[in-house]
Amino acid sequence: MIFSIVVTGAPYSSQAADSALRYCKSLLKLEHQIHRIFFYADGVHNASELAVPPQDETNIPSEWAQLAEQHKLDMVVCIAAAVRRGVLDENEAGRYEKNSHNLTPPFVLSGLGQLVEAGIVSDRVVTFGA
């Protein structure tokens, strides 16, 4: 079965991001496919390279990046929601004349069309929200 996942919760303000991460790991263990993981609203904070949780807590943004690299997952961050919340890649930082960027690779900025396409391609779209 092909899944796409939508994450709308920030990594440390609700259980949404952690639950979505665990769900994705379970899907992969069960040999399902994940077409895309789409981060929207406050979920875009999962893509910030600047998150520094205490050492005794899970580094959720880092866990997402590791999972994506390990399984070659498509990690899309809604560009409008990200820019509004200060999550920028190098191109957007330059466009808005900011001194730095903080989007963690392998996350990429893109539009809501990627979410629509994910819904068309996937058998199931599961949302984890705050």
Protein backbone atom coordinates (compact mmCIF):
# COMPACT_ATOMS: atom_id res chain seq x y z
CA MET A 1 0.00 0.00 0.00
CA ILE A 2 1.23 3.52 -0.77
CA PHE A 3 0.94 6.14 1.98
CA SER A 4 1.51 9.86 2.19
CA ILE A 5 1.79 11.53 5.56
CA VAL A 6 0.86 15.09 6.54
CA VAL A 7 2.43 16.55 9.69
CA THR A 8 0.93 19.78 11.06
CA GLY A 9 2.34 19.74 14.59
CA ALA A 10 5.64 21.26 15.69
CA PRO A 11 8.15 18.76 17.09
CA TYR A 12 7.91 19.72 20.76
CA SER A 13 4.52 21.37 21.17
CA SER A 14 2.43 18.22 20.65
CA GLN A 15 2.76 14.48 20.06
CA ALA A 16 1.89 14.87 16.36
CA ALA A 17 5.42 14.88 14.94
CA ASP A 18 6.69 12.07 17.16
CA SER A 19 3.60 9.95 16.45
CA ALA A 20 3.97 10.54 12.70
CA LEU A 21 7.64 9.58 12.87
CA ARG A 22 6.85 6.33 14.69
CA TYR A 23 4.00 5.59 12.27
CA CYS A 24 6.32 6.04 9.29
CA LYS A 25 8.91 3.71 10.82
CA SER A 26 6.19 1.10 11.37
CA LEU A 27 4.94 1.43 7.80
CA LEU A 28 8.43 0.89 6.45
CA LYS A 29 8.97 -2.17 8.67
CA LEU A 30 5.74 -3.60 7.28
CA GLU A 31 7.14 -2.96 3.78
CA HIS A 32 4.57 -0.34 2.78
CA GLN A 33 5.66 2.53 0.54
CA ILE A 34 5.71 6.15 1.64
CA HIS A 35 5.24 8.39 -1.36
CA ARG A 36 5.72 11.69 0.45
CA ILE A 37 5.79 13.28 3.89
CA PHE A 38 4.34 16.78 3.78
CA PHE A 39 4.97 19.27 6.58
CA TYR A 40 2.37 22.01 6.88
CA ALA A 41 1.42 24.77 9.35
CA ASP A 42 3.51 24.45 12.54
CA GLY A 43 4.75 21.10 11.25
CA VAL A 44 7.32 23.03 9.20
CA HIS A 45 9.37 23.42 12.40
CA ASN A 46 10.31 19.74 12.01
CA ALA A 47 12.58 20.86 9.16
CA SER A 48 14.52 23.46 11.14
CA GLU A 49 18.21 22.79 11.55
CA LEU A 50 18.23 25.10 14.59
CA ALA A 51 16.25 22.84 16.94
CA VAL A 52 18.40 21.81 19.91
CA PRO A 53 16.42 19.64 22.33
CA PRO A 54 17.88 18.59 25.69
CA GLN A 55 20.21 15.58 25.48
CA ASP A 56 17.70 13.31 27.22
CA GLU A 57 14.98 14.03 24.62
CA THR A 58 14.61 12.69 21.10
CA ASN A 59 15.86 15.08 18.44
CA ILE A 60 12.76 14.76 16.27
CA PRO A 61 13.98 16.93 13.35
CA SER A 62 17.21 14.92 13.22
CA GLU A 63 15.25 11.64 13.36
CA TRP A 64 13.13 12.77 10.38
CA ALA A 65 16.26 13.65 8.39
CA GLN A 66 17.90 10.30 9.20
CA LEU A 67 14.77 8.35 8.26
CA ALA A 68 14.49 10.24 4.97
CA GLU A 69 18.11 9.64 4.05
CA GLN A 70 17.98 5.98 5.05
CA HIS A 71 14.83 5.24 3.03
CA LYS A 72 15.13 7.92 0.31
CA LEU A 73 11.87 9.58 1.40
CA ASP A 74 10.42 12.70 -0.18
CA MET A 75 10.23 15.29 2.63
CA VAL A 76 8.29 18.34 1.44
CA VAL A 77 7.81 21.48 3.52
CA CYS A 78 5.03 23.90 2.54
CA ILE A 79 6.89 26.98 1.36
CA ALA A 80 4.22 29.49 2.40
CA ALA A 81 3.94 28.06 5.91
CA ALA A 82 7.72 27.76 6.24
CA VAL A 83 8.58 31.30 5.16
CA ARG A 84 5.88 32.66 7.48
CA ARG A 85 7.52 30.78 10.39
CA GLY A 86 11.15 31.56 9.53
CA VAL A 87 12.14 28.20 8.07
CA LEU A 88 14.13 29.09 4.95
CA ASP A 89 16.34 27.32 2.44
CA GLU A 90 19.27 29.12 0.86
CA ASN A 91 17.22 30.43 -2.08
CA GLU A 92 14.44 31.86 0.07
CA ALA A 93 16.94 33.42 2.49
CA GLY A 94 18.49 35.25 -0.45
CA ARG A 95 15.11 36.21 -1.87
CA TYR A 96 14.06 37.81 1.42
CA GLU A 97 17.54 39.23 2.08
CA LYS A 98 18.12 37.17 5.22
CA ASN A 99 21.64 36.43 6.46
CA SER A 100 21.18 32.69 6.92
CA HIS A 101 19.00 29.69 6.21
CA ASN A 102 17.92 26.82 8.43
CA LEU A 103 16.17 24.15 6.34
CA THR A 104 17.68 20.76 7.16
CA PRO A 105 18.60 18.55 4.21
CA PRO A 106 16.92 16.40 2.87
CA PHE A 107 13.79 18.54 3.44
CA VAL A 108 12.75 20.65 0.45
CA LEU A 109 10.44 23.64 0.15
CA SER A 110 7.53 23.33 -2.28
CA GLY A 111 3.89 24.27 -2.67
CA LEU A 112 0.54 22.71 -1.85
CA GLY A 113 0.46 21.13 -5.29
CA GLN A 114 2.81 18.50 -3.88
CA LEU A 115 0.18 17.62 -1.27
CA VAL A 116 -2.53 17.36 -3.93
CA GLU A 117 -0.32 15.12 -6.06
CA ALA A 118 0.44 12.95 -3.03
CA GLY A 119 -3.28 12.45 -2.48
CA ILE A 120 -3.73 11.36 -6.08
CA VAL A 121 -0.83 8.89 -6.06
CA SER A 122 -1.33 7.41 -2.59
CA ASP A 123 -3.79 4.80 -1.41
CA ARG A 124 -4.00 6.56 1.97
CA VAL A 125 -3.14 10.02 3.26
CA VAL A 126 -2.77 10.12 7.03
CA THR A 127 -2.61 13.43 8.90
CA PHE A 128 -0.97 14.01 12.28
CA GLY A 129 -2.00 17.36 13.70
CA ALA A 130 -1.68 19.44 16.81
